[in-house]
Amino acid sequence: MLKMIRNSALLMAIILCVVSCDKNRVFDVYKSVPNQWHKDSIVGFKITPPDTINPYNLFVNLRNTNAYKYNNLFLIVGIEFPHGKTIKDTLEYRMAAPSGELLGTGVGDIKENKLWYKENVVFKENGEYQITIQQAMRAHGKVKGVVNLKGITDVGFRIEHITKH
């Protein structure tokens, strides 16, 4: 019993160190997608960047299971600026190797993917920005989009300080 308590304490210390040692993180939030990601379901994040001077790298983070059956993923990502301007991008990400094995990190059924969105972004306007992420998948050869996308469990957005070498 004492050995199990020591092992648990050691594991918690390692996790705390890894989480707290992420010096590049400015914003990193996930939102769960219940069961399936409906094509009309928009995942949103409100962010207030720390300054209007420094550049940052932006990422879309995803967690998926083996139930995800596609080689790629199409997303529509939008940024609404504090003064009303909106930018929308349609993005494609590779989610599986040619062998069909899902990409990403993680052990077991859940894979985590950190997908580049934009680099060297300077948030020039003070105030709150709204980030929106929506799936825009289409099955191969089909015109209509995939209504309910299976296998995506969490959608996240991350802002990082740019590391100087």
C-alpha atoms as a PDB file:
ATOM      1  CA  MET A   1       0.000   0.000   0.000  1.00  0.00           C
ATOM      2  CA  LEU A   2       2.811   2.414   0.918  1.00  0.00           C
ATOM      3  CA  LYS A   3       4.588   1.622  -2.369  1.00  0.00           C
ATOM      4  CA  MET A   4       1.387   2.408  -4.302  1.00  0.00           C
ATOM      5  CA  ILE A   5       1.048   5.784  -2.514  1.00  0.00           C
ATOM      6  CA  ARG A   6       4.692   6.639  -3.296  1.00  0.00           C
ATOM      7  CA  ASN A   7       4.218   5.666  -6.960  1.00  0.00           C
ATOM      8  CA  SER A   8       1.060   7.793  -7.182  1.00  0.00           C
ATOM      9  CA  ALA A   9       2.837  10.765  -5.600  1.00  0.00           C
ATOM     10  CA  LEU A  10       5.752  10.375  -8.028  1.00  0.00           C
ATOM     11  CA  LEU A  11       3.378  10.207 -10.998  1.00  0.00           C
ATOM     12  CA  MET A  12       1.543  13.355  -9.853  1.00  0.00           C
ATOM     13  CA  ALA A  13       4.869  15.207  -9.417  1.00  0.00           C
ATOM     14  CA  ILE A  14       5.952  14.250 -12.943  1.00  0.00           C
ATOM     15  CA  ILE A  15       2.609  15.362 -14.421  1.00  0.00           C
ATOM     16  CA  LEU A  16       2.731  18.658 -12.521  1.00  0.00           C
ATOM     17  CA  CYS A  17       6.280  19.300 -13.723  1.00  0.00           C
ATOM     18  CA  VAL A  18       5.406  18.586 -17.372  1.00  0.00           C
ATOM     19  CA  VAL A  19       2.317  20.805 -17.274  1.00  0.00           C
ATOM     20  CA  SER A  20       4.013  23.674 -15.447  1.00  0.00           C
ATOM     21  CA  CYS A  21       7.155  23.487 -17.621  1.00  0.00           C
ATOM     22  CA  ASP A  22       5.243  24.451 -20.768  1.00  0.00           C
ATOM     23  CA  LYS A  23       6.735  27.950 -20.977  1.00  0.00           C
ATOM     24  CA  ASN A  24       5.543  28.569 -24.546  1.00  0.00           C
ATOM     25  CA  ARG A  25       1.843  28.259 -23.698  1.00  0.00           C
ATOM     26  CA  VAL A  26      -0.181  31.471 -23.674  1.00  0.00           C
ATOM     27  CA  PHE A  27      -3.632  29.908 -24.182  1.00  0.00           C
ATOM     28  CA  ASP A  28      -4.481  26.197 -24.392  1.00  0.00           C
ATOM     29  CA  VAL A  29      -8.104  25.131 -23.978  1.00  0.00           C
ATOM     30  CA  TYR A  30     -10.033  22.070 -25.152  1.00  0.00           C
ATOM     31  CA  LYS A  31     -13.790  21.606 -25.512  1.00  0.00           C
ATOM     32  CA  SER A  32     -15.423  18.190 -25.663  1.00  0.00           C
ATOM     33  CA  VAL A  33     -17.403  17.042 -28.680  1.00  0.00           C
ATOM     34  CA  PRO A  34     -20.215  14.789 -27.449  1.00  0.00           C
ATOM     35  CA  ASN A  35     -20.390  11.496 -29.396  1.00  0.00           C
ATOM     36  CA  GLN A  36     -20.146  12.981 -32.913  1.00  0.00           C
ATOM     37  CA  TRP A  37     -19.202  16.368 -34.336  1.00  0.00           C
ATOM     38  CA  HIS A  38     -22.228  17.700 -36.221  1.00  0.00           C
ATOM     39  CA  LYS A  39     -21.432  19.777 -39.330  1.00  0.00           C
ATOM     40  CA  ASP A  40     -23.367  22.759 -37.914  1.00  0.00           C
ATOM     41  CA  SER A  41     -21.745  22.565 -34.472  1.00  0.00           C
ATOM     42  CA  ILE A  42     -19.212  25.360 -34.062  1.00  0.00           C
ATOM     43  CA  VAL A  43     -16.629  25.105 -31.291  1.00  0.00           C
ATOM     44  CA  GLY A  44     -15.772  28.588 -30.014  1.00  0.00           C
ATOM     45  CA  PHE A  45     -13.048  30.121 -27.882  1.00  0.00           C
ATOM     46  CA  LYS A  46     -12.812  33.639 -26.502  1.00  0.00           C
ATOM     47  CA  ILE A  47      -9.263  34.875 -26.107  1.00  0.00           C
ATOM     48  CA  THR A  48      -7.674  38.067 -24.897  1.00  0.00           C
ATOM     49  CA  PRO A  49      -4.054  38.114 -26.098  1.00  0.00           C
ATOM     50  CA  PRO A  50      -1.456  39.426 -23.627  1.00  0.00           C
ATOM     51  CA  ASP A  51      -0.168  42.218 -25.889  1.00  0.00           C
ATOM     52  CA  THR A  52      -0.374  43.910 -29.302  1.00  0.00           C
ATOM     53  CA  ILE A  53       3.345  43.801 -30.061  1.00  0.00           C
ATOM     54  CA  ASN A  54       4.750  40.264 -29.943  1.00  0.00           C
ATOM     55  CA  PRO A  55       4.144  37.570 -32.584  1.00  0.00           C
ATOM     56  CA  TYR A  56       2.569  34.241 -31.629  1.00  0.00           C
ATOM     57  CA  ASN A  57       2.003  30.841 -33.234  1.00  0.00           C
ATOM     58  CA  LEU A  58      -1.565  29.508 -33.360  1.00  0.00           C
ATOM     59  CA  PHE A  59      -2.648  25.862 -33.367  1.00  0.00           C
ATOM     60  CA  VAL A  60      -5.817  23.807 -33.586  1.00  0.00           C
ATOM     61  CA  ASN A  61      -5.609  20.855 -31.198  1.00  0.00           C
ATOM     62  CA  LEU A  62      -7.643  17.696 -31.702  1.00  0.00           C
ATOM     63  CA  ARG A  63      -8.147  14.478 -29.832  1.00  0.00           C
ATOM     64  CA  ASN A  64      -9.530  11.582 -31.811  1.00  0.00           C
ATOM     65  CA  THR A  65     -10.161   7.897 -31.372  1.00  0.00           C
ATOM     66  CA  ASN A  66      -9.790   4.935 -33.717  1.00  0.00           C
ATOM     67  CA  ALA A  67     -13.407   5.581 -34.740  1.00  0.00           C
ATOM     68  CA  TYR A  68     -12.070   8.397 -36.958  1.00  0.00           C
ATOM     69  CA  LYS A  69     -12.101   6.737 -40.393  1.00  0.00           C
ATOM     70  CA  TYR A  70     -10.663   9.384 -42.726  1.00  0.00           C
ATOM     71  CA  ASN A  71      -7.109  10.094 -43.884  1.00  0.00           C
ATOM     72  CA  ASN A  72      -7.596  13.834 -43.690  1.00  0.00           C
ATOM     73  CA  LEU A  73      -9.709  16.474 -41.980  1.00  0.00           C
ATOM     74  CA  PHE A  74     -11.191  19.689 -43.353  1.00  0.00           C
ATOM     75  CA  LEU A  75     -11.874  22.520 -40.920  1.00  0.00           C
ATOM     76  CA  ILE A  76     -13.256  26.023 -41.232  1.00  0.00           C
ATOM     77  CA  VAL A  77     -11.457  28.228 -38.714  1.00  0.00           C
ATOM     78  CA  GLY A  78     -12.492  31.805 -38.114  1.00  0.00           C
ATOM     79  CA  ILE A  79     -11.106  34.710 -36.126  1.00  0.00           C
ATOM     80  CA  GLU A  80     -13.372  37.610 -35.213  1.00  0.00           C
ATOM     81  CA  PHE A  81     -11.356  40.650 -34.174  1.00  0.00           C
ATOM     82  CA  PRO A  82     -12.413  43.005 -31.342  1.00  0.00           C
ATOM     83  CA  HIS A  83     -13.470  45.692 -33.837  1.00  0.00           C
ATOM     84  CA  GLY A  84     -15.648  43.336 -35.927  1.00  0.00           C
ATOM     85  CA  LYS A  85     -13.393  42.179 -38.771  1.00  0.00           C
ATOM     86  CA  THR A  86     -13.606  38.430 -39.468  1.00  0.00           C
ATOM     87  CA  ILE A  87     -11.156  36.108 -41.228  1.00  0.00           C
ATOM     88  CA  LYS A  88     -12.173  32.559 -42.222  1.00  0.00           C
ATOM     89  CA  ASP A  89      -9.882  29.855 -43.531  1.00  0.00           C
ATOM     90  CA  THR A  90     -10.726  26.417 -44.904  1.00  0.00           C
ATOM     91  CA  LEU A  91      -7.911  24.101 -43.883  1.00  0.00           C
ATOM     92  CA  GLU A  92      -6.980  20.514 -44.636  1.00  0.00           C
ATOM     93  CA  TYR A  93      -4.927  18.380 -42.279  1.00  0.00           C
ATOM     94  CA  ARG A  94      -3.509  14.900 -42.773  1.00  0.00           C
ATOM     95  CA  MET A  95      -4.786  12.601 -40.024  1.00  0.00           C
ATOM     96  CA  ALA A  96      -3.446   9.193 -41.111  1.00  0.00           C
ATOM     97  CA  ALA A  97      -0.340   7.699 -42.658  1.00  0.00           C
ATOM     98  CA  PRO A  98      -0.634   5.962 -46.063  1.00  0.00           C
ATOM     99  CA  SER A  99      -0.892   2.680 -44.143  1.00  0.00           C
ATOM    100  CA  GLY A 100      -4.085   3.961 -42.500  1.00  0.00           C
ATOM    101  CA  GLU A 101      -2.484   4.324 -39.070  1.00  0.00           C
ATOM    102  CA  LEU A 102      -3.754   7.450 -37.337  1.00  0.00           C
ATOM    103  CA  LEU A 103      -1.207  10.206 -36.788  1.00  0.00           C
ATOM    104  CA  GLY A 104      -0.735  12.028 -33.508  1.00  0.00           C
ATOM    105  CA  THR A 105       0.680  11.316 -30.106  1.00  0.00           C
ATOM    106  CA  GLY A 106      -0.760   9.189 -27.373  1.00  0.00           C
ATOM    107  CA  VAL A 107      -1.042   5.658 -26.172  1.00  0.00           C
ATOM    108  CA  GLY A 108      -4.045   3.500 -26.791  1.00  0.00           C
ATOM    109  CA  ASP A 109      -7.251   4.545 -28.529  1.00  0.00           C
ATOM    110  CA  ILE A 110      -6.883   8.331 -28.170  1.00  0.00           C
ATOM    111  CA  LYS A 111      -4.511  10.343 -30.368  1.00  0.00           C
ATOM    112  CA  GLU A 112      -3.705  14.009 -29.869  1.00  0.00           C
ATOM    113  CA  ASN A 113      -2.866  16.233 -32.838  1.00  0.00           C
ATOM    114  CA  LYS A 114      -1.339  19.709 -32.672  1.00  0.00           C
ATOM    115  CA  LEU A 115      -2.141  21.235 -36.054  1.00  0.00           C
ATOM    116  CA  TRP A 116      -0.518  24.443 -37.342  1.00  0.00           C
ATOM    117  CA  TYR A 117      -3.038  27.200 -37.973  1.00  0.00           C
ATOM    118  CA  LYS A 118      -1.081  30.467 -38.308  1.00  0.00           C
ATOM    119  CA  GLU A 119       2.442  31.529 -37.432  1.00  0.00           C
ATOM    120  CA  ASN A 120       3.941  34.866 -36.420  1.00  0.00           C
ATOM    121  CA  VAL A 121       0.545  36.409 -35.665  1.00  0.00           C
ATOM    122  CA  VAL A 122       0.516  39.801 -33.966  1.00  0.00           C
ATOM    123  CA  PHE A 123      -2.803  40.619 -32.294  1.00  0.00           C
ATOM    124  CA  LYS A 124      -2.807  44.300 -33.231  1.00  0.00           C
ATOM    125  CA  GLU A 125      -6.196  45.151 -31.687  1.00  0.00           C
ATOM    126  CA  ASN A 126      -6.741  45.323 -27.939  1.00  0.00           C
ATOM    127  CA  GLY A 127      -9.671  43.322 -26.629  1.00  0.00           C
ATOM    128  CA  GLU A 128     -11.366  39.975 -26.970  1.00  0.00           C
ATOM    129  CA  TYR A 129     -11.030  37.795 -30.075  1.00  0.00           C
ATOM    130  CA  GLN A 130     -13.493  35.018 -30.951  1.00  0.00           C
ATOM    131  CA  ILE A 131     -12.096  31.819 -32.508  1.00  0.00           C
ATOM    132  CA  THR A 132     -14.516  29.425 -34.228  1.00  0.00           C
ATOM    133  CA  ILE A 133     -13.785  25.916 -35.491  1.00  0.00           C
ATOM    134  CA  GLN A 134     -16.200  23.840 -37.565  1.00  0.00           C
ATOM    135  CA  GLN A 135     -15.707  20.523 -39.333  1.00  0.00           C
ATOM    136  CA  ALA A 136     -16.220  20.550 -43.121  1.00  0.00           C
ATOM    137  CA  MET A 137     -15.639  16.905 -44.044  1.00  0.00           C
ATOM    138  CA  ARG A 138     -16.866  15.288 -47.220  1.00  0.00           C
ATOM    139  CA  ALA A 139     -16.699  11.589 -47.967  1.00  0.00           C
ATOM    140  CA  HIS A 140     -14.627  10.741 -51.063  1.00  0.00           C
ATOM    141  CA  GLY A 141     -16.704  11.315 -54.198  1.00  0.00           C
ATOM    142  CA  LYS A 142     -19.647  12.839 -52.317  1.00  0.00           C
ATOM    143  CA  VAL A 143     -21.000  16.356 -52.751  1.00  0.00           C
ATOM    144  CA  LYS A 144     -22.836  16.633 -49.443  1.00  0.00           C
ATOM    145  CA  GLY A 145     -20.796  17.029 -46.302  1.00  0.00           C
ATOM    146  CA  VAL A 146     -20.480  14.494 -43.512  1.00  0.00           C
ATOM    147  CA  VAL A 147     -23.319  15.414 -41.146  1.00  0.00           C
ATOM    148  CA  ASN A 148     -22.011  13.652 -38.036  1.00  0.00           C
ATOM    149  CA  LEU A 149     -18.257  13.148 -37.897  1.00  0.00           C
ATOM    150  CA  LYS A 150     -17.321  10.234 -35.659  1.00  0.00           C
ATOM    151  CA  GLY A 151     -14.079   9.852 -33.747  1.00  0.00           C
ATOM    152  CA  ILE A 152     -13.262  13.451 -32.763  1.00  0.00           C
ATOM    153  CA  THR A 153     -13.585  13.728 -28.974  1.00  0.00           C
ATOM    154  CA  ASP A 154     -12.106  17.158 -28.205  1.00  0.00           C
ATOM    155  CA  VAL A 155     -11.324  20.338 -30.137  1.00  0.00           C
ATOM    156  CA  GLY A 156      -8.826  22.821 -28.781  1.00  0.00           C
ATOM    157  CA  PHE A 157      -7.105  26.062 -29.576  1.00  0.00           C
ATOM    158  CA  ARG A 158      -3.567  26.964 -28.546  1.00  0.00           C
ATOM    159  CA  ILE A 159      -1.485  30.133 -28.657  1.00  0.00           C
ATOM    160  CA  GLU A 160       2.267  29.873 -28.093  1.00  0.00           C
ATOM    161  CA  HIS A 161       5.095  32.302 -27.581  1.00  0.00           C
ATOM    162  CA  ILE A 162       7.572  32.013 -30.428  1.00  0.00           C
ATOM    163  CA  THR A 163      10.755  30.358 -29.234  1.00  0.00           C
ATOM    164  CA  LYS A 164      13.897  32.288 -30.051  1.00  0.00           C
ATOM    165  CA  HIS A 165      16.886  30.121 -30.942  1.00  0.00           C
END
